[in-house]
Amino acid sequence: MANHPPYSMVLTYTEDPKQLIMQAVNSARLAPVVRGIMEVPFFLDDEEFKFDDELARQLGVAMLNTIALGRPDIKQHLNVTPHPIDKPNSAEGIDGD
């Protein structure tokens, strides 16, 4: 089995062709490059969190929204629910009204 270093993921949107590119980068090599650059914290609820479908969905939404900050033209393509799907949005009532 291969011995891998701890990785960080870099997600990049390109326009030609329109695609998302993920790059696994050695975290130690990346650290000096990203020092002082905007961070977008993604807090995990508690010590017993699970990497499940909902966490993955929320992480994806956060990443796409962050990319859209610097590329407003892709915002029109975003059709995502920002709040947890299994919980009502705080702006909605309990019954969704």
PDB file of N, CA and C in Angstrom:
ATOM      1  N   MET A   1       0.837  -1.174   0.000  1.00  0.00           N
ATOM      2  CA  MET A   1       0.000   0.000   0.000  1.00  0.00           C
ATOM      3  C   MET A   1       0.886   1.242   0.000  1.00  0.00           C
ATOM      4  N   ALA A   2       0.501   2.227  -0.822  1.00  0.00           N
ATOM      5  CA  ALA A   2       1.298   3.445  -0.946  1.00  0.00           C
ATOM      6  C   ALA A   2       1.180   4.293   0.312  1.00  0.00           C
ATOM      7  N   ASN A   3       2.266   4.945   0.664  1.00  0.00           N
ATOM      8  CA  ASN A   3       2.290   5.838   1.811  1.00  0.00           C
ATOM      9  C   ASN A   3       2.128   7.269   1.291  1.00  0.00           C
ATOM     10  N   HIS A   4       0.978   7.883   1.571  1.00  0.00           N
ATOM     11  CA  HIS A   4       0.699   9.229   1.090  1.00  0.00           C
ATOM     12  C   HIS A   4       0.859  10.246   2.205  1.00  0.00           C
ATOM     13  N   PRO A   5       1.350  11.446   1.868  1.00  0.00           N
ATOM     14  CA  PRO A   5       1.410  12.524   2.863  1.00  0.00           C
ATOM     15  C   PRO A   5      -0.005  13.069   3.073  1.00  0.00           C
ATOM     16  N   PRO A   6      -0.215  13.870   4.114  1.00  0.00           N
ATOM     17  CA  PRO A   6      -1.508  14.535   4.263  1.00  0.00           C
ATOM     18  C   PRO A   6      -1.736  15.478   3.071  1.00  0.00           C
ATOM     19  N   TYR A   7      -2.921  15.399   2.499  1.00  0.00           N
ATOM     20  CA  TYR A   7      -3.250  16.223   1.343  1.00  0.00           C
ATOM     21  C   TYR A   7      -4.192  17.355   1.703  1.00  0.00           C
ATOM     22  N   SER A   8      -4.089  18.433   0.953  1.00  0.00           N
ATOM     23  CA  SER A   8      -5.085  19.496   0.898  1.00  0.00           C
ATOM     24  C   SER A   8      -5.660  19.436  -0.507  1.00  0.00           C
ATOM     25  N   MET A   9      -6.917  19.858  -0.642  1.00  0.00           N
ATOM     26  CA  MET A   9      -7.544  19.853  -1.960  1.00  0.00           C
ATOM     27  C   MET A   9      -7.666  21.278  -2.467  1.00  0.00           C
ATOM     28  N   VAL A  10      -7.333  21.463  -3.718  1.00  0.00           N
ATOM     29  CA  VAL A  10      -7.510  22.739  -4.394  1.00  0.00           C
ATOM     30  C   VAL A  10      -8.578  22.501  -5.453  1.00  0.00           C
ATOM     31  N   LEU A  11      -9.622  23.331  -5.430  1.00  0.00           N
ATOM     32  CA  LEU A  11     -10.705  23.213  -6.402  1.00  0.00           C
ATOM     33  C   LEU A  11     -10.687  24.460  -7.271  1.00  0.00           C
ATOM     34  N   THR A  12     -10.595  24.266  -8.582  1.00  0.00           N
ATOM     35  CA  THR A  12     -10.506  25.375  -9.517  1.00  0.00           C
ATOM     36  C   THR A  12     -11.584  25.236 -10.581  1.00  0.00           C
ATOM     37  N   TYR A  13     -12.227  26.346 -10.910  1.00  0.00           N
ATOM     38  CA  TYR A  13     -13.188  26.385 -12.008  1.00  0.00           C
ATOM     39  C   TYR A  13     -12.494  26.985 -13.210  1.00  0.00           C
ATOM     40  N   THR A  14     -12.620  26.334 -14.362  1.00  0.00           N
ATOM     41  CA  THR A  14     -12.075  26.892 -15.602  1.00  0.00           C
ATOM     42  C   THR A  14     -13.221  27.148 -16.566  1.00  0.00           C
ATOM     43  N   GLU A  15     -13.039  28.143 -17.424  1.00  0.00           N
ATOM     44  CA  GLU A  15     -14.100  28.515 -18.359  1.00  0.00           C
ATOM     45  C   GLU A  15     -13.978  27.816 -19.698  1.00  0.00           C
ATOM     46  N   ASP A  16     -12.770  27.481 -20.126  1.00  0.00           N
ATOM     47  CA  ASP A  16     -12.609  26.853 -21.434  1.00  0.00           C
ATOM     48  C   ASP A  16     -11.650  25.682 -21.325  1.00  0.00           C
ATOM     49  N   PRO A  17     -12.178  24.489 -21.187  1.00  0.00           N
ATOM     50  CA  PRO A  17     -13.599  24.133 -21.140  1.00  0.00           C
ATOM     51  C   PRO A  17     -14.176  24.394 -19.750  1.00  0.00           C
ATOM     52  N   LYS A  18     -15.502  24.498 -19.663  1.00  0.00           N
ATOM     53  CA  LYS A  18     -16.174  24.699 -18.369  1.00  0.00           C
ATOM     54  C   LYS A  18     -16.042  23.409 -17.566  1.00  0.00           C
ATOM     55  N   GLN A  19     -15.251  23.492 -16.500  1.00  0.00           N
ATOM     56  CA  GLN A  19     -15.042  22.312 -15.666  1.00  0.00           C
ATOM     57  C   GLN A  19     -14.521  22.707 -14.298  1.00  0.00           C
ATOM     58  N   LEU A  20     -14.652  21.791 -13.372  1.00  0.00           N
ATOM     59  CA  LEU A  20     -14.037  21.927 -12.059  1.00  0.00           C
ATOM     60  C   LEU A  20     -12.852  20.972 -12.033  1.00  0.00           C
ATOM     61  N   ILE A  21     -11.722  21.454 -11.574  1.00  0.00           N
ATOM     62  CA  ILE A  21     -10.510  20.638 -11.480  1.00  0.00           C
ATOM     63  C   ILE A  21     -10.135  20.533 -10.013  1.00  0.00           C
ATOM     64  N   MET A  22      -9.975  19.311  -9.524  1.00  0.00           N
ATOM     65  CA  MET A  22      -9.529  19.078  -8.152  1.00  0.00           C
ATOM     66  C   MET A  22      -8.069  18.636  -8.203  1.00  0.00           C
ATOM     67  N   GLN A  23      -7.273  19.204  -7.311  1.00  0.00           N
ATOM     68  CA  GLN A  23      -5.869  18.830  -7.216  1.00  0.00           C
ATOM     69  C   GLN A  23      -5.552  18.474  -5.771  1.00  0.00           C
ATOM     70  N   ALA A  24      -4.970  17.306  -5.568  1.00  0.00           N
ATOM     71  CA  ALA A  24      -4.509  16.901  -4.243  1.00  0.00           C
ATOM     72  C   ALA A  24      -3.060  17.371  -4.113  1.00  0.00           C
ATOM     73  N   VAL A  25      -2.831  18.233  -3.120  1.00  0.00           N
ATOM     74  CA  VAL A  25      -1.512  18.849  -2.947  1.00  0.00           C
ATOM     75  C   VAL A  25      -0.993  18.511  -1.560  1.00  0.00           C
ATOM     76  N   ASN A  26       0.273  18.167  -1.474  1.00  0.00           N
ATOM     77  CA  ASN A  26       0.910  17.904  -0.184  1.00  0.00           C
ATOM     78  C   ASN A  26       0.690  19.119   0.717  1.00  0.00           C
ATOM     79  N   SER A  27       0.021  18.904   1.853  1.00  0.00           N
ATOM     80  CA  SER A  27      -0.343  20.012   2.748  1.00  0.00           C
ATOM     81  C   SER A  27       0.865  20.823   3.206  1.00  0.00           C
ATOM     82  N   ALA A  28       1.977  20.179   3.477  1.00  0.00           N
ATOM     83  CA  ALA A  28       3.178  20.886   3.943  1.00  0.00           C
ATOM     84  C   ALA A  28       3.730  21.804   2.846  1.00  0.00           C
ATOM     85  N   ARG A  29       3.668  21.369   1.597  1.00  0.00           N
ATOM     86  CA  ARG A  29       4.159  22.200   0.488  1.00  0.00           C
ATOM     87  C   ARG A  29       3.218  23.357   0.189  1.00  0.00           C
ATOM     88  N   LEU A  30       1.923  23.151   0.454  1.00  0.00           N
ATOM     89  CA  LEU A  30       0.932  24.177   0.159  1.00  0.00           C
ATOM     90  C   LEU A  30       0.879  25.275   1.229  1.00  0.00           C
ATOM     91  N   ALA A  31       1.214  24.934   2.462  1.00  0.00           N
ATOM     92  CA  ALA A  31       1.067  25.863   3.603  1.00  0.00           C
ATOM     93  C   ALA A  31       1.699  27.233   3.354  1.00  0.00           C
ATOM     94  N   PRO A  32       2.950  27.326   2.899  1.00  0.00           N
ATOM     95  CA  PRO A  32       3.520  28.661   2.703  1.00  0.00           C
ATOM     96  C   PRO A  32       2.845  29.440   1.570  1.00  0.00           C
ATOM     97  N   VAL A  33       2.283  28.748   0.609  1.00  0.00           N
ATOM     98  CA  VAL A  33       1.629  29.410  -0.522  1.00  0.00           C
ATOM     99  C   VAL A  33       0.316  30.060  -0.095  1.00  0.00           C
ATOM    100  N   VAL A  34      -0.428  29.419   0.802  1.00  0.00           N
ATOM    101  CA  VAL A  34      -1.748  29.924   1.189  1.00  0.00           C
ATOM    102  C   VAL A  34      -1.717  30.782   2.449  1.00  0.00           C
ATOM    103  N   ARG A  35      -0.563  30.923   3.063  1.00  0.00           N
ATOM    104  CA  ARG A  35      -0.463  31.745   4.275  1.00  0.00           C
ATOM    105  C   ARG A  35      -0.915  33.173   3.968  1.00  0.00           C
ATOM    106  N   GLY A  36      -1.854  33.688   4.766  1.00  0.00           N
ATOM    107  CA  GLY A  36      -2.339  35.047   4.605  1.00  0.00           C
ATOM    108  C   GLY A  36      -3.445  35.209   3.572  1.00  0.00           C
ATOM    109  N   ILE A  37      -3.867  34.125   2.945  1.00  0.00           N
ATOM    110  CA  ILE A  37      -4.939  34.192   1.942  1.00  0.00           C
ATOM    111  C   ILE A  37      -6.271  33.916   2.624  1.00  0.00           C
ATOM    112  N   MET A  38      -7.355  34.458   2.070  1.00  0.00           N
ATOM    113  CA  MET A  38      -8.686  34.300   2.643  1.00  0.00           C
ATOM    114  C   MET A  38      -8.965  32.838   2.997  1.00  0.00           C
ATOM    115  N   GLU A  39      -9.441  32.648   4.220  1.00  0.00           N
ATOM    116  CA  GLU A  39      -9.853  31.320   4.669  1.00  0.00           C
ATOM    117  C   GLU A  39     -11.365  31.309   4.809  1.00  0.00           C
ATOM    118  N   VAL A  40     -11.966  30.182   4.482  1.00  0.00           N
ATOM    119  CA  VAL A  40     -13.405  29.998   4.652  1.00  0.00           C
ATOM    120  C   VAL A  40     -13.567  28.798   5.583  1.00  0.00           C
ATOM    121  N   PRO A  41     -13.712  29.052   6.886  1.00  0.00           N
ATOM    122  CA  PRO A  41     -13.832  27.936   7.832  1.00  0.00           C
ATOM    123  C   PRO A  41     -15.119  27.143   7.596  1.00  0.00           C
ATOM    124  N   PHE A  42     -15.034  25.867   7.741  1.00  0.00           N
ATOM    125  CA  PHE A  42     -16.185  24.968   7.639  1.00  0.00           C
ATOM    126  C   PHE A  42     -16.179  24.156   8.918  1.00  0.00           C
ATOM    127  N   PHE A  43     -16.976  24.592   9.881  1.00  0.00           N
ATOM    128  CA  PHE A  43     -16.940  23.994  11.210  1.00  0.00           C
ATOM    129  C   PHE A  43     -17.671  22.661  11.243  1.00  0.00           C
ATOM    130  N   LEU A  44     -17.074  21.706  11.924  1.00  0.00           N
ATOM    131  CA  LEU A  44     -17.695  20.411  12.151  1.00  0.00           C
ATOM    132  C   LEU A  44     -18.377  20.485  13.512  1.00  0.00           C
ATOM    133  N   ASP A  45     -19.627  20.039  13.593  1.00  0.00           N
ATOM    134  CA  ASP A  45     -20.479  20.266  14.756  1.00  0.00           C
ATOM    135  C   ASP A  45     -19.887  19.858  16.098  1.00  0.00           C
ATOM    136  N   ASP A  46     -19.343  18.674  16.206  1.00  0.00           N
ATOM    137  CA  ASP A  46     -18.823  18.214  17.489  1.00  0.00           C
ATOM    138  C   ASP A  46     -17.782  17.121  17.260  1.00  0.00           C
ATOM    139  N   GLU A  47     -17.330  16.526  18.324  1.00  0.00           N
ATOM    140  CA  GLU A  47     -16.291  15.496  18.208  1.00  0.00           C
ATOM    141  C   GLU A  47     -16.790  14.222  17.549  1.00  0.00           C
ATOM    142  N   GLU A  48     -18.115  14.037  17.496  1.00  0.00           N
ATOM    143  CA  GLU A  48     -18.665  12.816  16.923  1.00  0.00           C
ATOM    144  C   GLU A  48     -19.281  13.060  15.547  1.00  0.00           C
ATOM    145  N   PHE A  49     -18.732  14.042  14.800  1.00  0.00           N
ATOM    146  CA  PHE A  49     -19.260  14.299  13.469  1.00  0.00           C
ATOM    147  C   PHE A  49     -19.007  13.098  12.571  1.00  0.00           C
ATOM    148  N   LYS A  50     -19.777  13.031  11.507  1.00  0.00           N
ATOM    149  CA  LYS A  50     -19.613  11.959  10.529  1.00  0.00           C
ATOM    150  C   LYS A  50     -19.433  12.584   9.147  1.00  0.00           C
ATOM    151  N   PHE A  51     -18.530  12.044   8.385  1.00  0.00           N
ATOM    152  CA  PHE A  51     -18.402  12.448   6.993  1.00  0.00           C
ATOM    153  C   PHE A  51     -19.507  11.719   6.237  1.00  0.00           C
ATOM    154  N   ASP A  52     -20.680  12.351   6.148  1.00  0.00           N
ATOM    155  CA  ASP A  52     -21.832  11.721   5.518  1.00  0.00           C
ATOM    156  C   ASP A  52     -22.272  12.541   4.307  1.00  0.00           C
ATOM    157  N   ASP A  53     -23.360  12.110   3.680  1.00  0.00           N
ATOM    158  CA  ASP A  53     -23.843  12.785   2.480  1.00  0.00           C
ATOM    159  C   ASP A  53     -24.186  14.248   2.741  1.00  0.00           C
ATOM    160  N   GLU A  54     -24.804  14.546   3.883  1.00  0.00           N
ATOM    161  CA  GLU A  54     -25.209  15.922   4.173  1.00  0.00           C
ATOM    162  C   GLU A  54     -23.991  16.820   4.385  1.00  0.00           C
ATOM    163  N   LEU A  55     -22.981  16.339   5.104  1.00  0.00           N
ATOM    164  CA  LEU A  55     -21.770  17.136   5.291  1.00  0.00           C
ATOM    165  C   LEU A  55     -21.098  17.374   3.937  1.00  0.00           C
ATOM    166  N   ALA A  56     -21.036  16.350   3.102  1.00  0.00           N
ATOM    167  CA  ALA A  56     -20.417  16.493   1.777  1.00  0.00           C
ATOM    168  C   ALA A  56     -21.199  17.503   0.929  1.00  0.00           C
ATOM    169  N   ARG A  57     -22.533  17.466   1.016  1.00  0.00           N
ATOM    170  CA  ARG A  57     -23.364  18.397   0.261  1.00  0.00           C
ATOM    171  C   ARG A  57     -23.120  19.829   0.726  1.00  0.00           C
ATOM    172  N   GLN A  58     -23.098  20.048   2.044  1.00  0.00           N
ATOM    173  CA  GLN A  58     -22.873  21.391   2.580  1.00  0.00           C
ATOM    174  C   GLN A  58     -21.474  21.911   2.235  1.00  0.00           C
ATOM    175  N   LEU A  59     -20.494  21.030   2.277  1.00  0.00           N
ATOM    176  CA  LEU A  59     -19.131  21.422   1.905  1.00  0.00           C
ATOM    177  C   LEU A  59     -19.079  21.829   0.441  1.00  0.00           C
ATOM    178  N   GLY A  60     -19.728  21.050  -0.415  1.00  0.00           N
ATOM    179  CA  GLY A  60     -19.779  21.389  -1.836  1.00  0.00           C
ATOM    180  C   GLY A  60     -20.447  22.730  -2.081  1.00  0.00           C
ATOM    181  N   VAL A  61     -21.555  22.995  -1.392  1.00  0.00           N
ATOM    182  CA  VAL A  61     -22.260  24.275  -1.522  1.00  0.00           C
ATOM    183  C   VAL A  61     -21.337  25.413  -1.091  1.00  0.00           C
ATOM    184  N   ALA A  62     -20.657  25.250   0.044  1.00  0.00           N
ATOM    185  CA  ALA A  62     -19.741  26.291   0.531  1.00  0.00           C
ATOM    186  C   ALA A  62     -18.618  26.551  -0.468  1.00  0.00           C
ATOM    187  N   MET A  63     -18.070  25.484  -1.035  1.00  0.00           N
ATOM    188  CA  MET A  63     -16.977  25.644  -2.001  1.00  0.00           C
ATOM    189  C   MET A  63     -17.458  26.349  -3.269  1.00  0.00           C
ATOM    190  N   LEU A  64     -18.614  25.950  -3.782  1.00  0.00           N
ATOM    191  CA  LEU A  64     -19.130  26.582  -4.998  1.00  0.00           C
ATOM    192  C   LEU A  64     -19.498  28.040  -4.760  1.00  0.00           C
ATOM    193  N   ASN A  65     -20.084  28.348  -3.610  1.00  0.00           N
ATOM    194  CA  ASN A  65     -20.410  29.740  -3.297  1.00  0.00           C
ATOM    195  C   ASN A  65     -19.148  30.587  -3.169  1.00  0.00           C
ATOM    196  N   THR A  66     -18.086  30.020  -2.618  1.00  0.00           N
ATOM    197  CA  THR A  66     -16.827  30.759  -2.487  1.00  0.00           C
ATOM    198  C   THR A  66     -16.211  31.009  -3.859  1.00  0.00           C
ATOM    199  N   ILE A  67     -16.232  30.007  -4.721  1.00  0.00           N
ATOM    200  CA  ILE A  67     -15.724  30.205  -6.084  1.00  0.00           C
ATOM    201  C   ILE A  67     -16.524  31.300  -6.784  1.00  0.00           C
ATOM    202  N   ALA A  68     -17.857  31.318  -6.573  1.00  0.00           N
ATOM    203  CA  ALA A  68     -18.719  32.307  -7.221  1.00  0.00           C
ATOM    204  C   ALA A  68     -18.432  33.734  -6.764  1.00  0.00           C
ATOM    205  N   LEU A  69     -17.839  33.897  -5.567  1.00  0.00           N
ATOM    206  CA  LEU A  69     -17.471  35.244  -5.113  1.00  0.00           C
ATOM    207  C   LEU A  69     -16.498  35.899  -6.091  1.00  0.00           C
ATOM    208  N   GLY A  70     -15.575  35.122  -6.606  1.00  0.00           N
ATOM    209  CA  GLY A  70     -14.573  35.651  -7.533  1.00  0.00           C
ATOM    210  C   GLY A  70     -14.947  35.484  -8.989  1.00  0.00           C
ATOM    211  N   ARG A  71     -16.027  34.754  -9.247  1.00  0.00           N
ATOM    212  CA  ARG A  71     -16.497  34.539 -10.618  1.00  0.00           C
ATOM    213  C   ARG A  71     -18.019  34.687 -10.646  1.00  0.00           C
ATOM    214  N   PRO A  72     -18.506  35.931 -10.524  1.00  0.00           N
ATOM    215  CA  PRO A  72     -19.948  36.155 -10.426  1.00  0.00           C
ATOM    216  C   PRO A  72     -20.744  35.583 -11.601  1.00  0.00           C
ATOM    217  N   ASP A  73     -20.105  35.406 -12.745  1.00  0.00           N
ATOM    218  CA  ASP A  73     -20.804  34.871 -13.915  1.00  0.00           C
ATOM    219  C   ASP A  73     -21.307  33.445 -13.707  1.00  0.00           C
ATOM    220  N   ILE A  74     -20.695  32.681 -12.787  1.00  0.00           N
ATOM    221  CA  ILE A  74     -21.184  31.311 -12.578  1.00  0.00           C
ATOM    222  C   ILE A  74     -22.311  31.245 -11.551  1.00  0.00           C
ATOM    223  N   LYS A  75     -22.565  32.354 -10.860  1.00  0.00           N
ATOM    224  CA  LYS A  75     -23.639  32.360  -9.857  1.00  0.00           C
ATOM    225  C   LYS A  75     -24.982  31.975 -10.483  1.00  0.00           C
ATOM    226  N   GLN A  76     -25.205  32.359 -11.725  1.00  0.00           N
ATOM    227  CA  GLN A  76     -26.450  32.027 -12.417  1.00  0.00           C
ATOM    228  C   GLN A  76     -26.627  30.521 -12.599  1.00  0.00           C
ATOM    229  N   HIS A  77     -25.557  29.762 -12.500  1.00  0.00           N
ATOM    230  CA  HIS A  77     -25.615  28.315 -12.673  1.00  0.00           C
ATOM    231  C   HIS A  77     -25.809  27.573 -11.351  1.00  0.00           C
ATOM    232  N   LEU A  78     -25.729  28.297 -10.237  1.00  0.00           N
ATOM    233  CA  LEU A  78     -25.878  27.662  -8.929  1.00  0.00           C
ATOM    234  C   LEU A  78     -27.354  27.490  -8.588  1.00  0.00           C
ATOM    235  N   ASN A  79     -27.741  26.278  -8.301  1.00  0.00           N
ATOM    236  CA  ASN A  79     -29.109  25.968  -7.885  1.00  0.00           C
ATOM    237  C   ASN A  79     -28.996  24.996  -6.717  1.00  0.00           C
ATOM    238  N   VAL A  80     -28.545  25.528  -5.568  1.00  0.00           N
ATOM    239  CA  VAL A  80     -28.243  24.691  -4.411  1.00  0.00           C
ATOM    240  C   VAL A  80     -28.960  25.206  -3.168  1.00  0.00           C
ATOM    241  N   THR A  81     -29.226  24.314  -2.242  1.00  0.00           N
ATOM    242  CA  THR A  81     -29.852  24.662  -0.977  1.00  0.00           C
ATOM    243  C   THR A  81     -28.746  24.892   0.048  1.00  0.00           C
ATOM    244  N   PRO A  82     -28.623  26.128   0.598  1.00  0.00           N
ATOM    245  CA  PRO A  82     -27.519  26.413   1.506  1.00  0.00           C
ATOM    246  C   PRO A  82     -27.672  25.795   2.892  1.00  0.00           C
ATOM    247  N   HIS A  83     -28.920  25.620   3.365  1.00  0.00           N
ATOM    248  CA  HIS A  83     -29.124  25.088   4.707  1.00  0.00           C
ATOM    249  C   HIS A  83     -29.237  23.567   4.650  1.00  0.00           C
ATOM    250  N   PRO A  84     -29.066  22.889   5.775  1.00  0.00           N
ATOM    251  CA  PRO A  84     -29.212  21.425   5.778  1.00  0.00           C
ATOM    252  C   PRO A  84     -30.584  21.011   5.240  1.00  0.00           C
ATOM    253  N   ILE A  85     -30.611  20.031   4.380  1.00  0.00           N
ATOM    254  CA  ILE A  85     -31.854  19.607   3.753  1.00  0.00           C
ATOM    255  C   ILE A  85     -32.818  19.007   4.765  1.00  0.00           C
ATOM    256  N   ASP A  86     -32.290  18.314   5.782  1.00  0.00           N
ATOM    257  CA  ASP A  86     -33.177  17.667   6.746  1.00  0.00           C
ATOM    258  C   ASP A  86     -33.673  18.615   7.835  1.00  0.00           C
ATOM    259  N   LYS A  87     -33.279  19.906   7.784  1.00  0.00           N
ATOM    260  CA  LYS A  87     -33.728  20.902   8.763  1.00  0.00           C
ATOM    261  C   LYS A  87     -34.334  22.073   8.001  1.00  0.00           C
ATOM    262  N   PRO A  88     -35.424  22.660   8.509  1.00  0.00           N
ATOM    263  CA  PRO A  88     -36.014  23.805   7.808  1.00  0.00           C
ATOM    264  C   PRO A  88     -35.090  25.012   7.860  1.00  0.00           C
ATOM    265  N   ASN A  89     -35.180  25.824   6.834  1.00  0.00           N
ATOM    266  CA  ASN A  89     -34.436  27.075   6.779  1.00  0.00           C
ATOM    267  C   ASN A  89     -34.958  27.978   7.886  1.00  0.00           C
ATOM    268  N   SER A  90     -34.084  28.715   8.548  1.00  0.00           N
ATOM    269  CA  SER A  90     -34.503  29.564   9.670  1.00  0.00           C
ATOM    270  C   SER A  90     -35.495  30.637   9.215  1.00  0.00           C
ATOM    271  N   ALA A  91     -35.519  30.976   7.943  1.00  0.00           N
ATOM    272  CA  ALA A  91     -36.469  31.951   7.439  1.00  0.00           C
ATOM    273  C   ALA A  91     -37.834  31.341   7.195  1.00  0.00           C
ATOM    274  N   GLU A  92     -37.921  30.023   7.181  1.00  0.00           N
ATOM    275  CA  GLU A  92     -39.172  29.323   6.963  1.00  0.00           C
ATOM    276  C   GLU A  92     -39.737  28.881   8.297  1.00  0.00           C
ATOM    277  N   GLY A  93     -41.037  28.627   8.307  1.00  0.00           N
ATOM    278  CA  GLY A  93     -41.657  28.071   9.501  1.00  0.00           C
ATOM    279  C   GLY A  93     -41.379  26.584   9.583  1.00  0.00           C
ATOM    280  N   ILE A  94     -41.786  25.963  10.657  1.00  0.00           N
ATOM    281  CA  ILE A  94     -41.554  24.529  10.847  1.00  0.00           C
ATOM    282  C   ILE A  94     -42.218  23.725   9.748  1.00  0.00           C
ATOM    283  N   ASP A  95     -43.380  24.163   9.266  1.00  0.00           N
ATOM    284  CA  ASP A  95     -44.070  23.422   8.221  1.00  0.00           C
ATOM    285  C   ASP A  95     -43.665  23.851   6.822  1.00  0.00           C
ATOM    286  N   GLY A  96     -42.637  24.709   6.719  1.00  0.00           N
ATOM    287  CA  GLY A  96     -42.110  25.134   5.429  1.00  0.00           C
ATOM    288  C   GLY A  96     -42.798  26.361   4.854  1.00  0.00           C
ATOM    289  N   ASP A  97     -43.779  26.939   5.568  1.00  0.00           N
ATOM    290  CA  ASP A  97     -44.490  28.126   5.096  1.00  0.00           C
ATOM    291  C   ASP A  97     -43.741  29.396   5.426  1.00  0.00           C
TER     292      ASP A  97
END
